[in-house]
Each structure stands twice: as structure tokens, then as C-alpha cells.
PDB file of N, CA and C in Angstrom:
ATOM      1  N   MET A   1     123.142 113.978  95.333  1.00  0.00           N
ATOM      2  CA  MET A   1     122.986 114.974  96.358  1.00  0.00           C
ATOM      3  C   MET A   1     123.861 114.595  97.538  1.00  0.00           C
ATOM      4  N   SER A   2     124.276 115.609  98.269  1.00  0.00           N
ATOM      5  CA  SER A   2     125.100 115.406  99.455  1.00  0.00           C
ATOM      6  C   SER A   2     124.605 116.299 100.577  1.00  0.00           C
ATOM      7  N   CYS A   3     124.782 115.828 101.796  1.00  0.00           N
ATOM      8  CA  CYS A   3     124.528 116.655 102.971  1.00  0.00           C
ATOM      9  C   CYS A   3     125.898 117.071 103.487  1.00  0.00           C
ATOM     10  N   LEU A   4     126.261 118.304 103.235  1.00  0.00           N
ATOM     11  CA  LEU A   4     127.617 118.770 103.523  1.00  0.00           C
ATOM     12  C   LEU A   4     127.986 118.705 105.003  1.00  0.00           C
ATOM     13  N   ASP A   5     126.986 118.783 105.894  1.00  0.00           N
ATOM     14  CA  ASP A   5     127.265 118.734 107.331  1.00  0.00           C
ATOM     15  C   ASP A   5     127.475 117.319 107.861  1.00  0.00           C
ATOM     16  N   LEU A   6     127.189 116.306 107.027  1.00  0.00           N
ATOM     17  CA  LEU A   6     127.339 114.918 107.448  1.00  0.00           C
ATOM     18  C   LEU A   6     128.328 114.226 106.507  1.00  0.00           C
ATOM     19  N   PRO A   7     129.572 114.091 106.908  1.00  0.00           N
ATOM     20  CA  PRO A   7     130.587 113.512 106.038  1.00  0.00           C
ATOM     21  C   PRO A   7     130.190 112.134 105.498  1.00  0.00           C
ATOM     22  N   GLY A   8     130.297 111.981 104.201  1.00  0.00           N
ATOM     23  CA  GLY A   8     130.000 110.715 103.557  1.00  0.00           C
ATOM     24  C   GLY A   8     128.526 110.455 103.320  1.00  0.00           C
ATOM     25  N   CYS A   9     127.670 111.428 103.597  1.00  0.00           N
ATOM     26  CA  CYS A   9     126.227 111.256 103.415  1.00  0.00           C
ATOM     27  C   CYS A   9     125.842 111.746 102.023  1.00  0.00           C
ATOM     28  N   HIS A  10     125.664 110.796 101.102  1.00  0.00           N
ATOM     29  CA  HIS A  10     125.365 111.098  99.707  1.00  0.00           C
ATOM     30  C   HIS A  10     124.244 110.200  99.217  1.00  0.00           C
ATOM     31  N   SER A  11     123.562 110.643  98.186  1.00  0.00           N
ATOM     32  CA  SER A  11     122.521 109.831  97.566  1.00  0.00           C
ATOM     33  C   SER A  11     122.283 110.357  96.160  1.00  0.00           C
ATOM     34  N   GLN A  12     121.424 109.664  95.424  1.00  0.00           N
ATOM     35  CA  GLN A  12     121.088 110.094  94.067  1.00  0.00           C
ATOM     36  C   GLN A  12     119.716 109.564  93.705  1.00  0.00           C
ATOM     37  N   GLY A  13     119.201 109.970  92.576  1.00  0.00           N
ATOM     38  CA  GLY A  13     117.915 109.501  92.089  1.00  0.00           C
ATOM     39  C   GLY A  13     117.748 109.863  90.632  1.00  0.00           C
ATOM     40  N   ASP A  14     116.802 109.222  89.979  1.00  0.00           N
ATOM     41  CA  ASP A  14     116.558 109.496  88.563  1.00  0.00           C
ATOM     42  C   ASP A  14     115.857 110.835  88.348  1.00  0.00           C
ATOM     43  N   THR A  15     115.119 111.294  89.360  1.00  0.00           N
ATOM     44  CA  THR A  15     114.443 112.591  89.287  1.00  0.00           C
ATOM     45  C   THR A  15     114.813 113.404  90.516  1.00  0.00           C
ATOM     46  N   ARG A  16     114.498 114.698  90.481  1.00  0.00           N
ATOM     47  CA  ARG A  16     114.772 115.559  91.639  1.00  0.00           C
ATOM     48  C   ARG A  16     114.014 115.052  92.860  1.00  0.00           C
ATOM     49  N   ASP A  17     112.737 114.707  92.691  1.00  0.00           N
ATOM     50  CA  ASP A  17     111.935 114.225  93.814  1.00  0.00           C
ATOM     51  C   ASP A  17     112.491 112.926  94.390  1.00  0.00           C
ATOM     52  N   GLU A  18     112.912 112.031  93.527  1.00  0.00           N
ATOM     53  CA  GLU A  18     113.504 110.776  93.989  1.00  0.00           C
ATOM     54  C   GLU A  18     114.815 111.039  94.721  1.00  0.00           C
ATOM     55  N   ALA A  19     115.627 111.949  94.204  1.00  0.00           N
ATOM     56  CA  ALA A  19     116.894 112.275  94.856  1.00  0.00           C
ATOM     57  C   ALA A  19     116.655 112.885  96.234  1.00  0.00           C
ATOM     58  N   LEU A  20     115.641 113.759  96.345  1.00  0.00           N
ATOM     59  CA  LEU A  20     115.327 114.352  97.653  1.00  0.00           C
ATOM     60  C   LEU A  20     114.842 113.298  98.635  1.00  0.00           C
ATOM     61  N   ALA A  21     113.990 112.390  98.189  1.00  0.00           N
ATOM     62  CA  ALA A  21     113.514 111.319  99.061  1.00  0.00           C
ATOM     63  C   ALA A  21     114.684 110.440  99.503  1.00  0.00           C
ATOM     64  N   ASN A  22     115.586 110.147  98.591  1.00  0.00           N
ATOM     65  CA  ASN A  22     116.733 109.301  98.911  1.00  0.00           C
ATOM     66  C   ASN A  22     117.698 109.976  99.873  1.00  0.00           C
ATOM     67  N   ILE A  23     117.928 111.283  99.715  1.00  0.00           N
ATOM     68  CA  ILE A  23     118.854 111.961 100.626  1.00  0.00           C
ATOM     69  C   ILE A  23     118.224 112.089 102.003  1.00  0.00           C
ATOM     70  N   ARG A  24     116.911 112.269 102.064  1.00  0.00           N
ATOM     71  CA  ARG A  24     116.247 112.292 103.379  1.00  0.00           C
ATOM     72  C   ARG A  24     116.461 110.958 104.102  1.00  0.00           C
ATOM     73  N   GLU A  25     116.295 109.867 103.370  1.00  0.00           N
ATOM     74  CA  GLU A  25     116.507 108.547 103.963  1.00  0.00           C
ATOM     75  C   GLU A  25     117.967 108.372 104.380  1.00  0.00           C
ATOM     76  N   ALA A  26     118.893 108.810 103.533  1.00  0.00           N
ATOM     77  CA  ALA A  26     120.323 108.690 103.841  1.00  0.00           C
ATOM     78  C   ALA A  26     120.678 109.492 105.087  1.00  0.00           C
ATOM     79  N   ILE A  27     120.107 110.677 105.232  1.00  0.00           N
ATOM     80  CA  ILE A  27     120.370 111.501 106.422  1.00  0.00           C
ATOM     81  C   ILE A  27     119.867 110.789 107.666  1.00  0.00           C
ATOM     82  N   GLY A  28     118.653 110.238 107.598  1.00  0.00           N
ATOM     83  CA  GLY A  28     118.101 109.510 108.744  1.00  0.00           C
ATOM     84  C   GLY A  28     118.968 108.331 109.143  1.00  0.00           C
ATOM     85  N   LEU A  29     119.410 107.565 108.157  1.00  0.00           N
ATOM     86  CA  LEU A  29     120.270 106.414 108.440  1.00  0.00           C
ATOM     87  C   LEU A  29     121.618 106.848 108.996  1.00  0.00           C
ATOM     88  N   TRP A  30     122.175 107.918 108.450  1.00  0.00           N
ATOM     89  CA  TRP A  30     123.459 108.437 108.932  1.00  0.00           C
ATOM     90  C   TRP A  30     123.342 108.814 110.403  1.00  0.00           C
ATOM     91  N   LEU A  31     122.242 109.513 110.745  1.00  0.00           N
ATOM     92  CA  LEU A  31     122.037 109.945 112.130  1.00  0.00           C
ATOM     93  C   LEU A  31     121.825 108.759 113.068  1.00  0.00           C
ATOM     94  N   GLU A  32     121.118 107.727 112.605  1.00  0.00           N
ATOM     95  CA  GLU A  32     120.926 106.525 113.416  1.00  0.00           C
ATOM     96  C   GLU A  32     122.261 105.858 113.746  1.00  0.00           C
ATOM     97  N   VAL A  33     123.102 105.710 112.744  1.00  0.00           N
ATOM     98  CA  VAL A  33     124.412 105.077 112.948  1.00  0.00           C
ATOM     99  C   VAL A  33     125.272 105.929 113.876  1.00  0.00           C
ATOM    100  N   ASP A  34     125.253 107.241 113.673  1.00  0.00           N
ATOM    101  CA  ASP A  34     126.036 108.138 114.520  1.00  0.00           C
ATOM    102  C   ASP A  34     125.583 108.040 115.979  1.00  0.00           C
ATOM    103  N   ALA A  35     124.267 108.005 116.194  1.00  0.00           N
ATOM    104  CA  ALA A  35     123.733 107.899 117.550  1.00  0.00           C
ATOM    105  C   ALA A  35     124.124 106.562 118.170  1.00  0.00           C
ATOM    106  N   GLU A  36     124.018 105.491 117.391  1.00  0.00           N
ATOM    107  CA  GLU A  36     124.385 104.166 117.890  1.00  0.00           C
ATOM    108  C   GLU A  36     125.851 104.120 118.287  1.00  0.00           C
ATOM    109  N   GLU A  37     126.707 104.690 117.461  1.00  0.00           N
ATOM    110  CA  GLU A  37     128.144 104.705 117.762  1.00  0.00           C
ATOM    111  C   GLU A  37     128.451 105.549 118.992  1.00  0.00           C
ATOM    112  N   ALA A  38     127.612 106.567 119.256  1.00  0.00           N
ATOM    113  CA  ALA A  38     127.803 107.424 120.427  1.00  0.00           C
ATOM    114  C   ALA A  38     127.189 106.807 121.680  1.00  0.00           C
ATOM    115  N   GLY A  39     126.489 105.673 121.518  1.00  0.00           N
ATOM    116  CA  GLY A  39     125.904 105.004 122.664  1.00  0.00           C
ATOM    117  C   GLY A  39     124.560 105.564 123.088  1.00  0.00           C
ATOM    118  N   LEU A  40     123.903 106.324 122.231  1.00  0.00           N
ATOM    119  CA  LEU A  40     122.594 106.877 122.568  1.00  0.00           C
ATOM    120  C   LEU A  40     121.531 105.796 122.431  1.00  0.00           C
ATOM    121  N   GLN A  41     120.609 105.768 123.364  1.00  0.00           N
ATOM    122  CA  GLN A  41     119.564 104.758 123.365  1.00  0.00           C
ATOM    123  C   GLN A  41     118.346 105.181 122.538  1.00  0.00           C
ATOM    124  N   GLN A  42     118.080 106.470 122.462  1.00  0.00           N
ATOM    125  CA  GLN A  42     116.877 106.944 121.781  1.00  0.00           C
ATOM    126  C   GLN A  42     117.226 108.169 120.940  1.00  0.00           C
ATOM    127  N   VAL A  43     116.688 108.199 119.733  1.00  0.00           N
ATOM    128  CA  VAL A  43     116.927 109.326 118.827  1.00  0.00           C
ATOM    129  C   VAL A  43     115.585 109.836 118.342  1.00  0.00           C
ATOM    130  N   GLU A  44     115.407 111.130 118.398  1.00  0.00           N
ATOM    131  CA  GLU A  44     114.175 111.749 117.907  1.00  0.00           C
ATOM    132  C   GLU A  44     114.500 112.450 116.600  1.00  0.00           C
ATOM    133  N   THR A  45     113.682 112.228 115.594  1.00  0.00           N
ATOM    134  CA  THR A  45     113.894 112.876 114.306  1.00  0.00           C
ATOM    135  C   THR A  45     112.702 113.768 113.973  1.00  0.00           C
ATOM    136  N   LEU A  46     112.960 114.800 113.202  1.00  0.00           N
ATOM    137  CA  LEU A  46     111.938 115.738 112.751  1.00  0.00           C
ATOM    138  C   LEU A  46     111.970 115.814 111.248  1.00  0.00           C
ATOM    139  N   GLU A  47     110.826 115.992 110.630  1.00  0.00           N
ATOM    140  CA  GLU A  47     110.739 116.174 109.187  1.00  0.00           C
ATOM    141  C   GLU A  47     110.746 117.665 108.893  1.00  0.00           C
ATOM    142  N   LEU A  48     111.683 118.113 108.074  1.00  0.00           N
ATOM    143  CA  LEU A  48     111.783 119.520 107.702  1.00  0.00           C
ATOM    144  C   LEU A  48     111.398 119.687 106.245  1.00  0.00           C
ATOM    145  N   ALA A  49     110.707 120.748 105.938  1.00  0.00           N
ATOM    146  CA  ALA A  49     110.341 121.035 104.545  1.00  0.00           C
ATOM    147  C   ALA A  49     111.516 121.674 103.835  1.00  0.00           C
ATOM    148  N   ILE A  50     111.694 121.294 102.582  1.00  0.00           N
ATOM    149  CA  ILE A  50     112.781 121.860 101.778  1.00  0.00           C
ATOM    150  C   ILE A  50     112.183 122.797 100.766  1.00  0.00           C
TER     151      ILE A  50
END
């Protein structure tokens, strides 16, 4: 799976549910790194239903 809006944000899993859980984690990590590189001190995340 890939998040098209986040370059290089990809993941996979043995099942659909595992792949979704993994891409959610990958998106969170991608956003954390992006915020850190931008110098942001605090990041708020929301859980969205798919």
C-alpha cells in the first residue's frame, strides 16, 4: 500500500487488515519525521476511519 500524498510512504502486510495497520503506522511515522525536519515542537494526530 502507498499513501500517494506522502512521497515514499509505503507499507505492506500478509493480509488486508495487516497492510492497513502497517500503512497507518507508516503515515504516522512519516508525519513525525516531516514535522521534526520542519522544526515543529508538537504534532497532533487524528485517527480516521477507512
